C-alpha atoms as a PDB file:
ATOM      1  CA  UNK A   1      14.701 -48.962  45.573  1.00  0.00           C
ATOM      2  CA  UNK A   2      17.361 -48.817  48.292  1.00  0.00           C
ATOM      3  CA  UNK A   3      19.962 -46.134  47.739  1.00  0.00           C
ATOM      4  CA  UNK A   4      21.905 -46.502  50.992  1.00  0.00           C
ATOM      5  CA  UNK A   5      23.027 -49.527  52.916  1.00  0.00           C
ATOM      6  CA  UNK A   6      24.053 -49.739  56.559  1.00  0.00           C
ATOM      7  CA  UNK A   7      27.726 -49.218  55.723  1.00  0.00           C
ATOM      8  CA  UNK A   8      26.881 -45.945  53.922  1.00  0.00           C
ATOM      9  CA  UNK A   9      25.518 -44.531  57.164  1.00  0.00           C
ATOM     10  CA  UNK A  10      28.798 -44.636  59.055  1.00  0.00           C
ATOM     11  CA  UNK A  11      28.908 -41.609  61.319  1.00  0.00           C
ATOM     12  CA  UNK A  12      31.379 -39.740  59.115  1.00  0.00           C
ATOM     13  CA  UNK A  13      29.247 -40.137  55.950  1.00  0.00           C
ATOM     14  CA  UNK A  14      25.658 -40.214  57.244  1.00  0.00           C
ATOM     15  CA  UNK A  15      23.639 -37.755  55.122  1.00  0.00           C
ATOM     16  CA  UNK A  16      21.555 -36.484  58.048  1.00  0.00           C
ATOM     17  CA  UNK A  17      24.633 -35.804  60.152  1.00  0.00           C
ATOM     18  CA  UNK A  18      26.356 -33.974  57.310  1.00  0.00           C
ATOM     19  CA  UNK A  19      23.280 -31.820  56.641  1.00  0.00           C
ATOM     20  CA  UNK A  20      22.939 -30.946  60.349  1.00  0.00           C
ATOM     21  CA  UNK A  21      26.653 -30.084  60.600  1.00  0.00           C
ATOM     22  CA  UNK A  22      26.526 -28.023  57.419  1.00  0.00           C
ATOM     23  CA  UNK A  23      23.548 -26.077  58.771  1.00  0.00           C
ATOM     24  CA  UNK A  24      25.180 -25.466  62.161  1.00  0.00           C
ATOM     25  CA  UNK A  25      28.586 -24.526  60.751  1.00  0.00           C
ATOM     26  CA  UNK A  26      27.188 -22.253  58.052  1.00  0.00           C
ATOM     27  CA  UNK A  27      24.698 -20.609  60.421  1.00  0.00           C
ATOM     28  CA  UNK A  28      27.531 -19.703  62.784  1.00  0.00           C
ATOM     29  CA  UNK A  29      29.811 -18.602  59.950  1.00  0.00           C
ATOM     30  CA  UNK A  30      27.195 -16.482  58.200  1.00  0.00           C
ATOM     31  CA  UNK A  31      26.233 -14.915  61.523  1.00  0.00           C
ATOM     32  CA  UNK A  32      29.882 -13.951  62.098  1.00  0.00           C
ATOM     33  CA  UNK A  33      29.860 -12.177  58.739  1.00  0.00           C
ATOM     34  CA  UNK A  34      26.568 -10.304  59.102  1.00  0.00           C
ATOM     35  CA  UNK A  35      27.164  -6.599  59.337  1.00  0.00           C
ATOM     36  CA  UNK A  36      28.596  -6.152  62.822  1.00  0.00           C
ATOM     37  CA  UNK A  37      26.151  -8.406  64.651  1.00  0.00           C
ATOM     38  CA  UNK A  38      23.152  -6.242  63.767  1.00  0.00           C
ATOM     39  CA  UNK A  39      20.973  -9.367  63.593  1.00  0.00           C
ATOM     40  CA  UNK A  40      21.432 -13.032  64.288  1.00  0.00           C
ATOM     41  CA  UNK A  41      21.366 -15.248  61.225  1.00  0.00           C
ATOM     42  CA  UNK A  42      18.132 -16.822  62.484  1.00  0.00           C
ATOM     43  CA  UNK A  43      16.548 -13.372  62.770  1.00  0.00           C
ATOM     44  CA  UNK A  44      17.672 -12.530  59.229  1.00  0.00           C
ATOM     45  CA  UNK A  45      16.269 -15.814  57.899  1.00  0.00           C
ATOM     46  CA  UNK A  46      12.972 -15.175  59.715  1.00  0.00           C
ATOM     47  CA  UNK A  47      12.667 -11.741  58.142  1.00  0.00           C
ATOM     48  CA  UNK A  48      13.602 -13.075  54.698  1.00  0.00           C
ATOM     49  CA  UNK A  49      11.089 -15.929  54.656  1.00  0.00           C
ATOM     50  CA  UNK A  50       8.310 -13.628  55.891  1.00  0.00           C
ATOM     51  CA  UNK A  51       9.228 -10.944  53.375  1.00  0.00           C
ATOM     52  CA  UNK A  52       9.430 -13.466  50.541  1.00  0.00           C
ATOM     53  CA  UNK A  53       6.004 -14.873  51.380  1.00  0.00           C
ATOM     54  CA  UNK A  54       7.257 -18.347  52.330  1.00  0.00           C
ATOM     55  CA  UNK A  55       5.616 -18.085  55.757  1.00  0.00           C
ATOM     56  CA  UNK A  56       2.586 -16.087  56.852  1.00  0.00           C
ATOM     57  CA  UNK A  57       2.014 -16.962  60.521  1.00  0.00           C
ATOM     58  CA  UNK A  58       3.992 -17.674  63.687  1.00  0.00           C
ATOM     59  CA  UNK A  59       3.205 -21.384  63.310  1.00  0.00           C
ATOM     60  CA  UNK A  60       4.556 -21.373  59.759  1.00  0.00           C
ATOM     61  CA  UNK A  61       7.693 -19.614  60.980  1.00  0.00           C
ATOM     62  CA  UNK A  62       8.213 -22.125  63.794  1.00  0.00           C
ATOM     63  CA  UNK A  63       7.985 -25.014  61.302  1.00  0.00           C
ATOM     64  CA  UNK A  64      10.294 -23.291  58.805  1.00  0.00           C
ATOM     65  CA  UNK A  65      12.972 -22.571  61.414  1.00  0.00           C
ATOM     66  CA  UNK A  66      12.521 -25.845  63.305  1.00  0.00           C
ATOM     67  CA  UNK A  67      12.025 -24.105  66.650  1.00  0.00           C
ATOM     68  CA  UNK A  68       9.338 -24.249  69.320  1.00  0.00           C
ATOM     69  CA  UNK A  69       6.334 -21.946  69.276  1.00  0.00           C
ATOM     70  CA  UNK A  70       7.643 -20.321  72.469  1.00  0.00           C
ATOM     71  CA  UNK A  71      11.007 -19.594  70.848  1.00  0.00           C
ATOM     72  CA  UNK A  72       9.164 -18.281  67.805  1.00  0.00           C
ATOM     73  CA  UNK A  73       7.094 -15.918  69.948  1.00  0.00           C
ATOM     74  CA  UNK A  74      10.271 -14.567  71.552  1.00  0.00           C
ATOM     75  CA  UNK A  75      11.902 -14.161  68.123  1.00  0.00           C
ATOM     76  CA  UNK A  76       8.865 -12.290  66.787  1.00  0.00           C
ATOM     77  CA  UNK A  77       8.741 -10.128  69.933  1.00  0.00           C
ATOM     78  CA  UNK A  78      12.373  -9.070  69.431  1.00  0.00           C
ATOM     79  CA  UNK A  79      11.873  -8.319  65.734  1.00  0.00           C
ATOM     80  CA  UNK A  80       8.655  -6.444  66.455  1.00  0.00           C
ATOM     81  CA  UNK A  81      10.322  -4.378  69.223  1.00  0.00           C
ATOM     82  CA  UNK A  82      13.058  -3.471  66.749  1.00  0.00           C
ATOM     83  CA  UNK A  83      10.337  -2.427  64.249  1.00  0.00           C
ATOM     84  CA  UNK A  84      11.488  -5.018  61.692  1.00  0.00           C
ATOM     85  CA  UNK A  85       8.399  -7.232  61.787  1.00  0.00           C
ATOM     86  CA  UNK A  86       4.717  -6.601  62.463  1.00  0.00           C
ATOM     87  CA  UNK A  87       1.873  -8.824  63.591  1.00  0.00           C
ATOM     88  CA  UNK A  88      -1.432  -8.465  61.742  1.00  0.00           C
ATOM     89  CA  UNK A  89      -4.536  -9.866  63.430  1.00  0.00           C
ATOM     90  CA  UNK A  90      -7.008 -11.417  61.018  1.00  0.00           C
ATOM     91  CA  UNK A  91     -10.300  -9.558  60.723  1.00  0.00           C
ATOM     92  CA  UNK A  92     -12.052 -12.893  60.184  1.00  0.00           C
ATOM     93  CA  UNK A  93     -10.457 -14.890  63.009  1.00  0.00           C
ATOM     94  CA  UNK A  94      -8.670 -13.021  65.818  1.00  0.00           C
ATOM     95  CA  UNK A  95      -6.791 -16.212  66.722  1.00  0.00           C
ATOM     96  CA  UNK A  96      -4.931 -16.005  63.414  1.00  0.00           C
ATOM     97  CA  UNK A  97      -2.006 -13.605  63.560  1.00  0.00           C
ATOM     98  CA  UNK A  98      -0.271 -12.899  60.282  1.00  0.00           C
ATOM     99  CA  UNK A  99       3.291 -11.663  59.982  1.00  0.00           C
ATOM    100  CA  UNK A 100       4.723  -9.054  57.660  1.00  0.00           C
ATOM    101  CA  UNK A 101       8.041  -7.297  57.433  1.00  0.00           C
ATOM    102  CA  UNK A 102       8.032  -3.563  57.932  1.00  0.00           C
ATOM    103  CA  UNK A 103       9.766  -1.291  55.449  1.00  0.00           C
ATOM    104  CA  UNK A 104      12.746  -1.248  57.824  1.00  0.00           C
ATOM    105  CA  UNK A 105      12.664  -5.070  58.032  1.00  0.00           C
ATOM    106  CA  UNK A 106      12.642  -5.422  54.245  1.00  0.00           C
ATOM    107  CA  UNK A 107      15.461  -2.900  53.932  1.00  0.00           C
ATOM    108  CA  UNK A 108      17.455  -4.821  56.546  1.00  0.00           C
ATOM    109  CA  UNK A 109      17.022  -8.077  54.615  1.00  0.00           C
ATOM    110  CA  UNK A 110      18.330  -6.355  51.494  1.00  0.00           C
ATOM    111  CA  UNK A 111      21.191  -4.645  53.325  1.00  0.00           C
ATOM    112  CA  UNK A 112      22.496  -7.903  54.808  1.00  0.00           C
ATOM    113  CA  UNK A 113      21.786 -10.166  51.834  1.00  0.00           C
ATOM    114  CA  UNK A 114      25.217  -9.436  50.344  1.00  0.00           C
ATOM    115  CA  UNK A 115      26.938 -10.572  53.553  1.00  0.00           C
ATOM    116  CA  UNK A 116      24.986 -13.844  53.514  1.00  0.00           C
ATOM    117  CA  UNK A 117      25.695 -14.503  49.829  1.00  0.00           C
ATOM    118  CA  UNK A 118      29.363 -13.600  50.293  1.00  0.00           C
ATOM    119  CA  UNK A 119      29.750 -16.143  53.106  1.00  0.00           C
ATOM    120  CA  UNK A 120      28.191 -18.891  51.003  1.00  0.00           C
ATOM    121  CA  UNK A 121      30.282 -17.913  47.970  1.00  0.00           C
ATOM    122  CA  UNK A 122      33.432 -18.179  50.063  1.00  0.00           C
ATOM    123  CA  UNK A 123      32.557 -21.752  51.041  1.00  0.00           C
ATOM    124  CA  UNK A 124      31.473 -22.687  47.523  1.00  0.00           C
ATOM    125  CA  UNK A 125      34.536 -21.092  45.831  1.00  0.00           C
ATOM    126  CA  UNK A 126      36.242 -24.450  45.089  1.00  0.00           C
ATOM    127  CA  UNK A 127      33.174 -25.598  43.130  1.00  0.00           C
ATOM    128  CA  UNK A 128      32.228 -24.720  39.564  1.00  0.00           C
ATOM    129  CA  UNK A 129      28.971 -22.914  38.812  1.00  0.00           C
ATOM    130  CA  UNK A 130      27.661 -26.193  37.361  1.00  0.00           C
ATOM    131  CA  UNK A 131      28.520 -28.048  40.584  1.00  0.00           C
ATOM    132  CA  UNK A 132      26.952 -25.319  42.726  1.00  0.00           C
ATOM    133  CA  UNK A 133      23.766 -25.387  40.646  1.00  0.00           C
ATOM    134  CA  UNK A 134      23.644 -29.194  40.843  1.00  0.00           C
ATOM    135  CA  UNK A 135      24.135 -29.033  44.648  1.00  0.00           C
ATOM    136  CA  UNK A 136      21.202 -26.643  45.080  1.00  0.00           C
ATOM    137  CA  UNK A 137      19.016 -28.641  42.690  1.00  0.00           C
ATOM    138  CA  UNK A 138      19.803 -31.871  44.546  1.00  0.00           C
ATOM    139  CA  UNK A 139      19.011 -30.271  47.918  1.00  0.00           C
ATOM    140  CA  UNK A 140      15.703 -28.970  46.509  1.00  0.00           C
ATOM    141  CA  UNK A 141      14.802 -32.436  45.252  1.00  0.00           C
ATOM    142  CA  UNK A 142      15.768 -34.117  48.536  1.00  0.00           C
ATOM    143  CA  UNK A 143      13.759 -31.566  50.512  1.00  0.00           C
ATOM    144  CA  UNK A 144      10.719 -32.024  48.256  1.00  0.00           C
ATOM    145  CA  UNK A 145      10.906 -35.792  48.619  1.00  0.00           C
ATOM    146  CA  UNK A 146      11.387 -35.599  52.390  1.00  0.00           C
ATOM    147  CA  UNK A 147       8.326 -33.319  52.627  1.00  0.00           C
ATOM    148  CA  UNK A 148       6.360 -35.740  50.457  1.00  0.00           C
ATOM    149  CA  UNK A 149       7.170 -38.866  52.487  1.00  0.00           C
ATOM    150  CA  UNK A 150       6.611 -36.983  55.769  1.00  0.00           C
ATOM    151  CA  UNK A 151       3.253 -35.669  54.530  1.00  0.00           C
ATOM    152  CA  UNK A 152       4.320 -32.026  54.840  1.00  0.00           C
ATOM    153  CA  UNK A 153       2.864 -29.698  52.223  1.00  0.00           C
ATOM    154  CA  UNK A 154       5.621 -28.032  50.215  1.00  0.00           C
ATOM    155  CA  UNK A 155       6.215 -24.314  50.546  1.00  0.00           C
ATOM    156  CA  UNK A 156       5.712 -22.492  47.283  1.00  0.00           C
ATOM    157  CA  UNK A 157       8.731 -20.262  46.752  1.00  0.00           C
ATOM    158  CA  UNK A 158       8.528 -16.710  45.496  1.00  0.00           C
ATOM    159  CA  UNK A 159      12.045 -15.952  44.157  1.00  0.00           C
ATOM    160  CA  UNK A 160      13.161 -12.610  45.563  1.00  0.00           C
END
């Protein structure tokens, strides 16, 4: 079943463009609101998804953030130097390096979570709770379907 036609994908209304712009705008805005520039938004997201168990390895983190493995290594190096993240070599396979947040990393996620939520609440203020819930549910469904058609296994979320 076709949902869109060519006219629906005009540059100003193309779903992919709007999602990319929303991500870029909100990433920059949230980052401007995070507690005095203590972390970049990408660093905070990396810590959060590791802490919440959504990713376990550098490769998982690269896929989650949509960045190269080299950029991921640099990101992990910075977080590890700051004692926010730790690498754990597998006892079974030394090539596998797991990631875990340190106590300081977990505390930092918690400390900055209010700033992140506040930024999103400011943007979503014109919408009702029902509309906001429907927006998140729709995004979750679209993401699940995109993962399905692309053959990407879904990430099992652990609500924290």
